N, C-alpha and C. Protein backbone atom coordinates (compact mmCIF):
# COMPACT_ATOMS: atom_id res chain seq x y z
N MET A 1 51.59 138.85 115.53
CA MET A 1 52.87 138.24 115.91
C MET A 1 54.00 139.20 115.61
N LYS A 2 54.91 139.37 116.54
CA LYS A 2 56.03 140.29 116.38
C LYS A 2 57.09 139.64 115.50
N LEU A 3 57.51 140.37 114.49
CA LEU A 3 58.53 139.86 113.57
C LEU A 3 59.91 140.25 114.07
N SER A 4 60.82 139.33 114.02
CA SER A 4 62.21 139.61 114.40
C SER A 4 62.99 140.07 113.18
N LEU A 5 63.80 141.12 113.37
CA LEU A 5 64.64 141.61 112.27
C LEU A 5 65.95 140.85 112.17
N THR A 6 66.21 140.00 113.15
CA THR A 6 67.45 139.23 113.12
C THR A 6 67.24 137.92 112.38
N PRO A 7 68.03 137.62 111.37
CA PRO A 7 67.86 136.37 110.62
C PRO A 7 67.98 135.17 111.54
N LYS A 8 67.08 134.20 111.35
CA LYS A 8 67.12 133.02 112.21
C LYS A 8 68.03 131.94 111.65
N ASP A 9 68.29 132.01 110.33
CA ASP A 9 69.14 130.97 109.76
C ASP A 9 70.60 131.25 110.11
N SER A 10 71.40 130.21 110.00
CA SER A 10 72.81 130.32 110.39
C SER A 10 73.72 130.30 109.17
N ILE A 11 73.19 130.68 108.01
CA ILE A 11 73.97 130.57 106.78
C ILE A 11 75.27 131.37 106.83
N TYR A 12 75.24 132.54 107.46
CA TYR A 12 76.46 133.35 107.53
C TYR A 12 77.57 132.62 108.28
N PHE A 13 77.20 132.01 109.39
CA PHE A 13 78.19 131.32 110.21
C PHE A 13 78.63 130.01 109.56
N THR A 14 77.72 129.40 108.82
CA THR A 14 78.09 128.21 108.05
C THR A 14 79.10 128.57 106.98
N LEU A 15 78.86 129.68 106.27
CA LEU A 15 79.77 130.12 105.22
C LEU A 15 81.13 130.50 105.80
N LEU A 16 81.13 131.18 106.94
CA LEU A 16 82.40 131.56 107.57
C LEU A 16 83.17 130.32 108.03
N THR A 17 82.46 129.34 108.56
CA THR A 17 83.11 128.12 109.01
C THR A 17 83.69 127.35 107.83
N GLU A 18 82.94 127.28 106.74
CA GLU A 18 83.45 126.62 105.53
C GLU A 18 84.69 127.34 105.01
N SER A 19 84.67 128.67 105.08
CA SER A 19 85.83 129.44 104.65
C SER A 19 87.03 129.14 105.54
N ALA A 20 86.81 129.10 106.85
CA ALA A 20 87.90 128.82 107.79
C ALA A 20 88.44 127.41 107.62
N ALA A 21 87.58 126.47 107.20
CA ALA A 21 88.03 125.09 107.01
C ALA A 21 89.10 125.00 105.93
N HIS A 22 89.06 125.89 104.96
CA HIS A 22 90.09 125.90 103.93
C HIS A 22 91.47 126.22 104.52
N LEU A 23 91.49 126.96 105.62
CA LEU A 23 92.77 127.28 106.27
C LEU A 23 93.43 126.02 106.82
N VAL A 24 92.61 125.11 107.34
CA VAL A 24 93.16 123.85 107.86
C VAL A 24 93.74 123.03 106.72
N ARG A 25 92.99 122.91 105.64
CA ARG A 25 93.49 122.17 104.48
C ARG A 25 94.76 122.82 103.93
N GLY A 26 94.74 124.13 103.84
CA GLY A 26 95.90 124.84 103.30
C GLY A 26 97.13 124.69 104.17
N SER A 27 96.97 124.83 105.47
CA SER A 27 98.13 124.72 106.37
C SER A 27 98.68 123.30 106.37
N ASN A 28 97.81 122.31 106.25
CA ASN A 28 98.28 120.92 106.21
C ASN A 28 99.06 120.64 104.92
N LEU A 29 98.58 121.19 103.81
CA LEU A 29 99.31 121.03 102.55
C LEU A 29 100.66 121.75 102.60
N LEU A 30 100.67 122.91 103.23
CA LEU A 30 101.93 123.64 103.38
C LEU A 30 102.91 122.84 104.23
N ALA A 31 102.40 122.18 105.26
CA ALA A 31 103.26 121.33 106.10
C ALA A 31 103.82 120.17 105.30
N GLN A 32 103.00 119.59 104.43
CA GLN A 32 103.49 118.52 103.57
C GLN A 32 104.55 119.03 102.61
N LEU A 33 104.33 120.24 102.12
CA LEU A 33 105.26 120.83 101.15
C LEU A 33 106.64 121.07 101.77
N VAL A 34 106.67 121.64 102.96
CA VAL A 34 107.97 122.00 103.55
C VAL A 34 108.74 120.77 104.02
N THR A 35 108.08 119.65 104.19
CA THR A 35 108.79 118.44 104.63
C THR A 35 109.02 117.48 103.47
N ALA A 36 108.59 117.85 102.27
CA ALA A 36 108.73 116.97 101.10
C ALA A 36 110.05 117.19 100.39
N ASP A 37 110.42 116.19 99.58
CA ASP A 37 111.55 116.34 98.68
C ASP A 37 111.27 117.46 97.70
N ARG A 38 112.32 118.15 97.25
CA ARG A 38 112.13 119.29 96.36
C ARG A 38 111.36 118.93 95.10
N LEU A 39 111.53 117.73 94.59
CA LEU A 39 110.85 117.32 93.36
C LEU A 39 109.35 117.13 93.57
N VAL A 40 108.94 116.88 94.81
CA VAL A 40 107.53 116.67 95.11
C VAL A 40 106.81 117.98 95.41
N ARG A 41 107.57 118.99 95.79
CA ARG A 41 106.97 120.24 96.25
C ARG A 41 106.06 120.92 95.23
N PRO A 42 106.39 120.92 93.93
CA PRO A 42 105.48 121.59 92.97
C PRO A 42 104.07 121.04 92.99
N GLU A 43 103.93 119.73 93.16
CA GLU A 43 102.59 119.14 93.21
C GLU A 43 101.83 119.60 94.45
N ARG A 44 102.53 119.63 95.60
CA ARG A 44 101.89 120.14 96.82
C ARG A 44 101.51 121.60 96.65
N ALA A 45 102.36 122.38 95.98
CA ALA A 45 102.08 123.80 95.76
C ALA A 45 100.85 123.97 94.88
N ARG A 46 100.69 123.10 93.87
CA ARG A 46 99.50 123.18 93.00
C ARG A 46 98.24 122.86 93.81
N GLU A 47 98.34 121.85 94.66
CA GLU A 47 97.20 121.52 95.51
C GLU A 47 96.86 122.66 96.46
N LEU A 48 97.91 123.29 97.00
CA LEU A 48 97.71 124.43 97.89
C LEU A 48 97.05 125.59 97.15
N HIS A 49 97.46 125.79 95.90
CA HIS A 49 96.88 126.87 95.11
C HIS A 49 95.40 126.57 94.81
N ASP A 50 95.07 125.31 94.61
CA ASP A 50 93.67 124.93 94.40
C ASP A 50 92.83 125.28 95.63
N VAL A 51 93.38 125.02 96.80
CA VAL A 51 92.67 125.35 98.03
C VAL A 51 92.52 126.87 98.17
N GLU A 52 93.56 127.59 97.76
CA GLU A 52 93.49 129.06 97.81
C GLU A 52 92.36 129.57 96.92
N HIS A 53 92.17 128.95 95.76
CA HIS A 53 91.06 129.32 94.87
C HIS A 53 89.72 129.05 95.53
N LEU A 54 89.61 127.90 96.20
CA LEU A 54 88.38 127.57 96.91
C LEU A 54 88.12 128.58 98.03
N ALA A 55 89.18 129.00 98.70
CA ALA A 55 89.05 129.99 99.77
C ALA A 55 88.57 131.32 99.20
N ASP A 56 89.08 131.69 98.03
CA ASP A 56 88.61 132.91 97.36
C ASP A 56 87.13 132.82 97.07
N GLU A 57 86.71 131.68 96.55
CA GLU A 57 85.30 131.50 96.21
C GLU A 57 84.42 131.57 97.47
N ALA A 58 84.93 131.01 98.56
CA ALA A 58 84.18 131.05 99.82
C ALA A 58 84.03 132.49 100.31
N ALA A 59 85.10 133.27 100.19
CA ALA A 59 85.04 134.68 100.59
C ALA A 59 84.05 135.44 99.73
N HIS A 60 84.06 135.18 98.42
CA HIS A 60 83.12 135.85 97.51
C HIS A 60 81.68 135.47 97.83
N ALA A 61 81.46 134.22 98.23
CA ALA A 61 80.11 133.77 98.59
C ALA A 61 79.58 134.55 99.79
N ILE A 62 80.45 134.79 100.76
CA ILE A 62 80.05 135.57 101.94
C ILE A 62 79.71 137.01 101.53
N VAL A 63 80.55 137.59 100.68
CA VAL A 63 80.30 138.96 100.23
C VAL A 63 78.97 139.05 99.48
N ARG A 64 78.72 138.09 98.60
CA ARG A 64 77.46 138.09 97.85
C ARG A 64 76.26 137.96 98.78
N LYS A 65 76.38 137.08 99.78
CA LYS A 65 75.28 136.88 100.72
C LYS A 65 75.02 138.15 101.52
N VAL A 66 76.07 138.80 101.99
CA VAL A 66 75.90 140.03 102.75
C VAL A 66 75.27 141.12 101.89
N ASN A 67 75.76 141.27 100.68
CA ASN A 67 75.25 142.31 99.80
C ASN A 67 73.80 142.08 99.38
N ALA A 68 73.38 140.82 99.40
CA ALA A 68 72.01 140.49 99.00
C ALA A 68 71.04 140.50 100.18
N SER A 69 71.54 140.73 101.39
CA SER A 69 70.71 140.64 102.58
C SER A 69 70.33 142.03 103.10
N PHE A 70 69.08 142.15 103.53
CA PHE A 70 68.62 143.41 104.12
C PHE A 70 69.08 143.52 105.57
N VAL A 71 69.01 142.40 106.27
CA VAL A 71 69.42 142.37 107.68
C VAL A 71 70.41 141.23 107.86
N THR A 72 71.45 141.47 108.64
CA THR A 72 72.46 140.44 108.90
C THR A 72 72.61 140.25 110.41
N PRO A 73 73.03 139.07 110.86
CA PRO A 73 73.12 138.80 112.30
C PRO A 73 74.25 139.57 112.98
N LEU A 74 75.28 139.93 112.23
CA LEU A 74 76.35 140.79 112.72
C LEU A 74 76.41 142.01 111.82
N ASP A 75 77.11 143.03 112.27
CA ASP A 75 77.31 144.20 111.44
C ASP A 75 77.86 143.79 110.07
N ARG A 76 77.32 144.39 109.02
CA ARG A 76 77.72 144.01 107.67
C ARG A 76 79.22 144.16 107.47
N ASP A 77 79.79 145.26 107.94
CA ASP A 77 81.23 145.50 107.79
C ASP A 77 82.04 144.45 108.54
N ASP A 78 81.52 144.01 109.67
CA ASP A 78 82.23 142.97 110.44
C ASP A 78 82.24 141.65 109.68
N LEU A 79 81.12 141.30 109.08
CA LEU A 79 81.06 140.07 108.30
C LEU A 79 82.01 140.13 107.10
N LEU A 80 82.03 141.28 106.44
CA LEU A 80 82.93 141.43 105.29
C LEU A 80 84.39 141.40 105.73
N SER A 81 84.69 142.00 106.88
CA SER A 81 86.06 141.97 107.40
C SER A 81 86.50 140.56 107.73
N LEU A 82 85.61 139.79 108.35
CA LEU A 82 85.95 138.41 108.69
C LEU A 82 86.25 137.60 107.44
N ALA A 83 85.43 137.77 106.42
CA ALA A 83 85.65 137.05 105.16
C ALA A 83 86.99 137.42 104.55
N SER A 84 87.29 138.72 104.56
CA SER A 84 88.54 139.20 103.98
C SER A 84 89.76 138.74 104.76
N LEU A 85 89.66 138.77 106.09
CA LEU A 85 90.81 138.39 106.93
C LEU A 85 91.10 136.90 106.86
N ILE A 86 90.05 136.09 106.79
CA ILE A 86 90.26 134.64 106.60
C ILE A 86 90.98 134.40 105.28
N ASP A 87 90.56 135.12 104.25
CA ASP A 87 91.18 134.99 102.94
C ASP A 87 92.64 135.43 102.97
N ASP A 88 92.95 136.48 103.74
CA ASP A 88 94.34 136.95 103.87
C ASP A 88 95.24 135.85 104.43
N CYS A 89 94.76 135.15 105.44
CA CYS A 89 95.55 134.06 106.04
C CYS A 89 95.90 133.02 104.98
N MET A 90 94.91 132.68 104.17
CA MET A 90 95.12 131.68 103.12
C MET A 90 96.09 132.20 102.06
N ASP A 91 95.94 133.46 101.69
CA ASP A 91 96.80 134.04 100.65
C ASP A 91 98.28 133.98 101.04
N TYR A 92 98.58 134.31 102.29
CA TYR A 92 99.97 134.29 102.73
C TYR A 92 100.55 132.88 102.74
N MET A 93 99.74 131.91 103.15
CA MET A 93 100.23 130.52 103.14
C MET A 93 100.49 130.05 101.70
N ASP A 94 99.59 130.42 100.80
CA ASP A 94 99.77 130.07 99.39
C ASP A 94 101.02 130.73 98.83
N GLU A 95 101.23 131.99 99.19
CA GLU A 95 102.42 132.71 98.72
C GLU A 95 103.70 132.04 99.22
N ALA A 96 103.71 131.61 100.46
CA ALA A 96 104.89 130.94 101.02
C ALA A 96 105.20 129.67 100.24
N GLY A 97 104.16 128.89 99.95
CA GLY A 97 104.36 127.68 99.16
C GLY A 97 104.91 127.98 97.79
N ASP A 98 104.38 129.01 97.15
CA ASP A 98 104.87 129.42 95.83
C ASP A 98 106.35 129.79 95.87
N LEU A 99 106.72 130.58 96.88
CA LEU A 99 108.11 131.04 96.98
C LEU A 99 109.08 129.86 97.14
N ILE A 100 108.71 128.91 97.97
CA ILE A 100 109.58 127.75 98.20
C ILE A 100 109.84 127.02 96.90
N VAL A 101 108.80 126.86 96.07
CA VAL A 101 108.94 126.16 94.80
C VAL A 101 109.68 127.02 93.78
N LEU A 102 109.30 128.28 93.65
CA LEU A 102 109.92 129.16 92.66
C LEU A 102 111.41 129.38 92.94
N TYR A 103 111.76 129.47 94.20
CA TYR A 103 113.16 129.68 94.57
C TYR A 103 114.00 128.41 94.50
N LYS A 104 113.33 127.25 94.34
CA LYS A 104 114.01 125.97 94.24
C LYS A 104 114.97 125.74 95.41
N ILE A 105 114.46 125.98 96.59
CA ILE A 105 115.29 125.83 97.79
C ILE A 105 115.46 124.34 98.10
N ASP A 106 116.69 123.91 98.23
CA ASP A 106 116.95 122.49 98.51
C ASP A 106 116.63 122.15 99.97
N GLU A 107 117.29 122.84 100.88
CA GLU A 107 117.13 122.54 102.30
C GLU A 107 116.57 123.77 103.01
N LEU A 108 115.39 123.62 103.57
CA LEU A 108 114.74 124.74 104.24
C LEU A 108 115.28 124.90 105.66
N ALA A 109 115.37 126.15 106.10
CA ALA A 109 115.77 126.42 107.48
C ALA A 109 114.79 125.74 108.44
N PRO A 110 115.26 125.16 109.53
CA PRO A 110 114.36 124.44 110.45
C PRO A 110 113.27 125.34 111.02
N GLU A 111 113.56 126.63 111.11
CA GLU A 111 112.55 127.55 111.64
C GLU A 111 111.33 127.66 110.72
N ILE A 112 111.52 127.40 109.43
CA ILE A 112 110.40 127.43 108.49
C ILE A 112 109.38 126.36 108.87
N ILE A 113 109.87 125.18 109.18
CA ILE A 113 108.97 124.09 109.59
C ILE A 113 108.27 124.45 110.90
N GLN A 114 108.99 125.08 111.81
CA GLN A 114 108.39 125.49 113.09
C GLN A 114 107.27 126.50 112.87
N LEU A 115 107.49 127.45 111.97
CA LEU A 115 106.46 128.45 111.69
C LEU A 115 105.23 127.82 111.03
N VAL A 116 105.47 126.86 110.17
CA VAL A 116 104.34 126.17 109.53
C VAL A 116 103.53 125.39 110.56
N GLU A 117 104.21 124.79 111.52
CA GLU A 117 103.50 124.07 112.59
C GLU A 117 102.62 125.04 113.39
N ILE A 118 103.11 126.25 113.62
CA ILE A 118 102.32 127.26 114.31
C ILE A 118 101.10 127.64 113.46
N LEU A 119 101.29 127.75 112.15
CA LEU A 119 100.18 128.06 111.27
C LEU A 119 99.12 126.96 111.29
N GLN A 120 99.56 125.71 111.35
CA GLN A 120 98.60 124.61 111.45
C GLN A 120 97.74 124.75 112.71
N ARG A 121 98.39 125.08 113.80
CA ARG A 121 97.66 125.24 115.06
C ARG A 121 96.71 126.44 114.99
N CYS A 122 97.16 127.53 114.40
CA CYS A 122 96.30 128.71 114.24
C CYS A 122 95.06 128.37 113.41
N ALA A 123 95.27 127.61 112.36
CA ALA A 123 94.14 127.23 111.49
C ALA A 123 93.15 126.36 112.25
N GLU A 124 93.66 125.40 113.00
CA GLU A 124 92.78 124.51 113.77
C GLU A 124 91.96 125.29 114.79
N LEU A 125 92.60 126.22 115.47
CA LEU A 125 91.91 127.04 116.47
C LEU A 125 90.85 127.92 115.82
N THR A 126 91.17 128.44 114.66
CA THR A 126 90.24 129.34 113.97
C THR A 126 88.99 128.62 113.52
N VAL A 127 89.14 127.45 112.92
CA VAL A 127 87.96 126.72 112.44
C VAL A 127 87.10 126.24 113.61
N GLN A 128 87.71 126.04 114.77
CA GLN A 128 86.94 125.68 115.96
C GLN A 128 86.21 126.89 116.54
N ALA A 129 86.82 128.06 116.41
CA ALA A 129 86.26 129.26 117.04
C ALA A 129 85.15 129.91 116.23
N VAL A 130 85.27 129.91 114.92
CA VAL A 130 84.34 130.66 114.08
C VAL A 130 82.86 130.31 114.32
N PRO A 131 82.50 129.04 114.47
CA PRO A 131 81.08 128.74 114.73
C PRO A 131 80.53 129.40 115.99
N HIS A 132 81.41 129.69 116.96
CA HIS A 132 80.97 130.30 118.21
C HIS A 132 80.58 131.76 118.04
N LEU A 133 80.86 132.34 116.86
CA LEU A 133 80.41 133.71 116.60
C LEU A 133 78.89 133.81 116.64
N GLN A 134 78.23 132.71 116.38
CA GLN A 134 76.76 132.73 116.37
C GLN A 134 76.20 133.00 117.76
N THR A 135 76.91 132.54 118.79
CA THR A 135 76.44 132.75 120.16
C THR A 135 77.35 133.67 120.96
N MET A 136 78.48 134.03 120.37
CA MET A 136 79.47 134.88 121.04
C MET A 136 79.95 134.27 122.36
N SER A 137 80.08 132.96 122.38
CA SER A 137 80.51 132.27 123.59
C SER A 137 81.80 131.50 123.33
N SER A 138 82.55 131.28 124.40
CA SER A 138 83.75 130.43 124.36
C SER A 138 84.76 130.90 123.32
N LEU A 139 84.96 132.21 123.24
CA LEU A 139 85.90 132.75 122.25
C LEU A 139 87.17 133.35 122.87
N GLN A 140 87.13 133.67 124.14
CA GLN A 140 88.28 134.34 124.74
C GLN A 140 89.54 133.48 124.68
N ASP A 141 89.41 132.19 124.97
CA ASP A 141 90.58 131.31 124.92
C ASP A 141 91.20 131.30 123.52
N PHE A 142 90.35 131.46 122.52
CA PHE A 142 90.83 131.48 121.13
C PHE A 142 91.78 132.62 120.88
N TRP A 143 91.34 133.85 121.14
CA TRP A 143 92.23 134.97 120.81
C TRP A 143 93.44 135.06 121.74
N VAL A 144 93.29 134.58 122.96
CA VAL A 144 94.45 134.56 123.87
C VAL A 144 95.51 133.59 123.34
N GLU A 145 95.08 132.41 122.89
CA GLU A 145 96.03 131.42 122.38
C GLU A 145 96.65 131.85 121.06
N ILE A 146 95.86 132.48 120.18
CA ILE A 146 96.42 132.98 118.92
C ILE A 146 97.47 134.04 119.18
N ASN A 147 97.21 134.92 120.14
CA ASN A 147 98.21 135.94 120.47
C ASN A 147 99.47 135.32 121.05
N ARG A 148 99.31 134.26 121.84
CA ARG A 148 100.47 133.56 122.39
C ARG A 148 101.29 132.93 121.26
N LEU A 149 100.59 132.31 120.30
CA LEU A 149 101.27 131.69 119.17
C LEU A 149 101.98 132.73 118.32
N GLU A 150 101.38 133.90 118.17
CA GLU A 150 102.02 134.95 117.38
C GLU A 150 103.29 135.43 118.07
N ASN A 151 103.26 135.54 119.40
CA ASN A 151 104.47 135.92 120.13
C ASN A 151 105.56 134.86 119.96
N GLN A 152 105.15 133.60 119.99
CA GLN A 152 106.11 132.50 119.77
C GLN A 152 106.70 132.59 118.37
N ALA A 153 105.86 132.89 117.38
CA ALA A 153 106.33 133.01 116.00
C ALA A 153 107.30 134.18 115.85
N ASP A 154 107.04 135.26 116.57
CA ASP A 154 107.96 136.42 116.54
C ASP A 154 109.36 136.02 117.01
N LYS A 155 109.41 135.24 118.09
CA LYS A 155 110.70 134.81 118.61
C LYS A 155 111.41 133.90 117.61
N ILE A 156 110.67 132.98 117.01
CA ILE A 156 111.26 132.09 116.01
C ILE A 156 111.76 132.90 114.82
N TYR A 157 110.97 133.88 114.39
CA TYR A 157 111.35 134.74 113.26
C TYR A 157 112.67 135.46 113.55
N ARG A 158 112.77 136.09 114.71
CA ARG A 158 113.99 136.83 115.03
C ARG A 158 115.19 135.91 115.10
N SER A 159 115.01 134.74 115.72
CA SER A 159 116.09 133.77 115.82
C SER A 159 116.49 133.25 114.44
N ALA A 160 115.50 133.02 113.58
CA ALA A 160 115.77 132.49 112.25
C ALA A 160 116.58 133.47 111.42
N ILE A 161 116.20 134.74 111.47
CA ILE A 161 116.92 135.75 110.69
C ILE A 161 118.36 135.88 111.19
N ALA A 162 118.52 135.91 112.50
CA ALA A 162 119.88 136.01 113.07
C ALA A 162 120.72 134.81 112.67
N ASP A 163 120.16 133.61 112.75
CA ASP A 163 120.89 132.40 112.40
C ASP A 163 121.25 132.37 110.92
N LEU A 164 120.34 132.85 110.08
CA LEU A 164 120.61 132.89 108.63
C LEU A 164 121.84 133.72 108.33
N PHE A 165 121.93 134.88 108.94
CA PHE A 165 123.07 135.76 108.69
C PHE A 165 124.36 135.17 109.27
N ASP A 166 124.25 134.34 110.29
CA ASP A 166 125.42 133.71 110.88
C ASP A 166 125.94 132.56 110.04
N ARG A 167 125.02 131.74 109.49
CA ARG A 167 125.46 130.50 108.87
C ARG A 167 125.44 130.51 107.34
N GLU A 168 124.77 131.49 106.73
CA GLU A 168 124.61 131.48 105.28
C GLU A 168 125.55 132.48 104.62
N ASP A 169 126.49 131.97 103.83
CA ASP A 169 127.44 132.84 103.13
C ASP A 169 126.94 133.25 101.75
N ASP A 170 126.05 132.46 101.19
CA ASP A 170 125.52 132.74 99.86
C ASP A 170 124.38 133.77 99.99
N ALA A 171 124.59 134.95 99.43
CA ALA A 171 123.62 136.04 99.58
C ALA A 171 122.27 135.68 98.95
N LYS A 172 122.30 135.02 97.79
CA LYS A 172 121.04 134.65 97.13
C LYS A 172 120.26 133.65 97.98
N ALA A 173 120.96 132.67 98.50
CA ALA A 173 120.30 131.66 99.33
C ALA A 173 119.72 132.31 100.59
N LEU A 174 120.45 133.27 101.15
CA LEU A 174 119.98 133.96 102.34
C LEU A 174 118.68 134.71 102.05
N ILE A 175 118.65 135.43 100.93
CA ILE A 175 117.47 136.22 100.57
C ILE A 175 116.26 135.31 100.35
N LYS A 176 116.48 134.17 99.69
CA LYS A 176 115.38 133.24 99.43
C LYS A 176 114.76 132.74 100.73
N GLN A 177 115.62 132.26 101.63
CA GLN A 177 115.12 131.74 102.91
C GLN A 177 114.43 132.86 103.70
N LYS A 178 115.04 134.05 103.68
CA LYS A 178 114.47 135.18 104.42
C LYS A 178 113.09 135.54 103.90
N ASP A 179 112.92 135.54 102.59
CA ASP A 179 111.61 135.86 102.00
C ASP A 179 110.53 134.89 102.46
N VAL A 180 110.88 133.61 102.49
CA VAL A 180 109.92 132.60 102.92
C VAL A 180 109.56 132.81 104.39
N ILE A 181 110.57 133.04 105.22
CA ILE A 181 110.34 133.25 106.65
C ILE A 181 109.46 134.48 106.88
N LEU A 182 109.75 135.56 106.15
CA LEU A 182 108.95 136.78 106.28
C LEU A 182 107.49 136.54 105.90
N THR A 183 107.27 135.76 104.85
CA THR A 183 105.91 135.48 104.40
C THR A 183 105.16 134.62 105.41
N LEU A 184 105.84 133.64 105.98
CA LEU A 184 105.21 132.81 107.01
C LEU A 184 104.89 133.64 108.25
N GLU A 185 105.78 134.54 108.61
CA GLU A 185 105.51 135.43 109.75
C GLU A 185 104.31 136.32 109.46
N ALA A 186 104.20 136.79 108.21
CA ALA A 186 103.04 137.60 107.82
C ALA A 186 101.75 136.79 107.93
N ALA A 187 101.83 135.50 107.61
CA ALA A 187 100.65 134.63 107.73
C ALA A 187 100.20 134.51 109.18
N VAL A 188 101.16 134.33 110.09
CA VAL A 188 100.83 134.26 111.51
C VAL A 188 100.23 135.59 111.97
N ASP A 189 100.81 136.70 111.52
CA ASP A 189 100.28 138.02 111.86
C ASP A 189 98.84 138.17 111.37
N ALA A 190 98.55 137.60 110.20
CA ALA A 190 97.19 137.68 109.65
C ALA A 190 96.21 136.93 110.54
N PHE A 191 96.64 135.80 111.09
CA PHE A 191 95.78 135.06 112.02
C PHE A 191 95.55 135.88 113.29
N GLU A 192 96.59 136.59 113.74
CA GLU A 192 96.42 137.43 114.93
C GLU A 192 95.45 138.58 114.66
N THR A 193 95.56 139.18 113.48
CA THR A 193 94.63 140.25 113.11
C THR A 193 93.19 139.74 113.09
N LEU A 194 93.00 138.53 112.55
CA LEU A 194 91.69 137.91 112.54
C LEU A 194 91.18 137.68 113.96
N ALA A 195 92.05 137.16 114.83
CA ALA A 195 91.67 136.90 116.22
C ALA A 195 91.32 138.19 116.94
N ASN A 196 92.11 139.24 116.70
CA ASN A 196 91.84 140.54 117.34
C ASN A 196 90.51 141.12 116.86
N THR A 197 90.20 140.89 115.59
CA THR A 197 88.92 141.36 115.04
C THR A 197 87.76 140.61 115.67
N ILE A 198 87.91 139.31 115.85
CA ILE A 198 86.87 138.52 116.51
C ILE A 198 86.69 138.99 117.95
N GLU A 199 87.79 139.31 118.62
CA GLU A 199 87.68 139.84 119.98
C GLU A 199 86.89 141.15 119.98
N ALA A 200 87.21 142.05 119.04
CA ALA A 200 86.52 143.34 118.97
C ALA A 200 85.03 143.16 118.69
N ILE A 201 84.70 142.23 117.80
CA ILE A 201 83.30 141.97 117.48
C ILE A 201 82.57 141.41 118.71
N THR A 202 83.24 140.51 119.42
CA THR A 202 82.64 139.92 120.61
C THR A 202 82.33 140.99 121.67
N VAL A 203 83.28 141.90 121.87
CA VAL A 203 83.07 142.98 122.83
C VAL A 203 81.91 143.87 122.39
N LYS A 204 81.86 144.19 121.11
CA LYS A 204 80.82 145.06 120.57
C LYS A 204 79.43 144.43 120.69
N GLU A 205 79.37 143.11 120.47
CA GLU A 205 78.07 142.43 120.45
C GLU A 205 77.60 142.00 121.83
N SER A 206 78.49 142.06 122.82
CA SER A 206 78.11 141.59 124.15
C SER A 206 77.32 142.64 124.93
């Protein structure tokens, strides 16, 4: 009987999907945080940080599995990159939540809520797409939509920064809001990098 060198189990894709699921939980908590009263935000930030820890553990689990395996269904470096990039998305969202609480911002710029809504959509699309890596099917719509959302986030970012300088006279308040907006934009960029990597892997494996 001919032995296949390709693993038949789907543990890698299960682990990646579990890792991506933390992005949905994290983005939803971030959405709750930015719409909550300032006094409630620290609790949401703690919950978000807990999810970030779980995301770290999920990334480490993937790394351990890859390092312990002789043969993997995708290139080892690709699997490690996917784990790292998913974790990057979570890290930026966690950082944004931290900044909002640490800076004690009373009223957030409306664009911050818009960017968080984009992050929620990016997270939902990602957790839906990751399982398809096992068959390399139905992924093109994913990276096309993520790129569209990133372009939308870029426009919101530019508008938000311009509006901040127009309406905010307090330099400290301006810097605080700007830092949060920059971090949220970095989170969206991280999702785009992940989507572009999935596109590259799909092309390579096809």
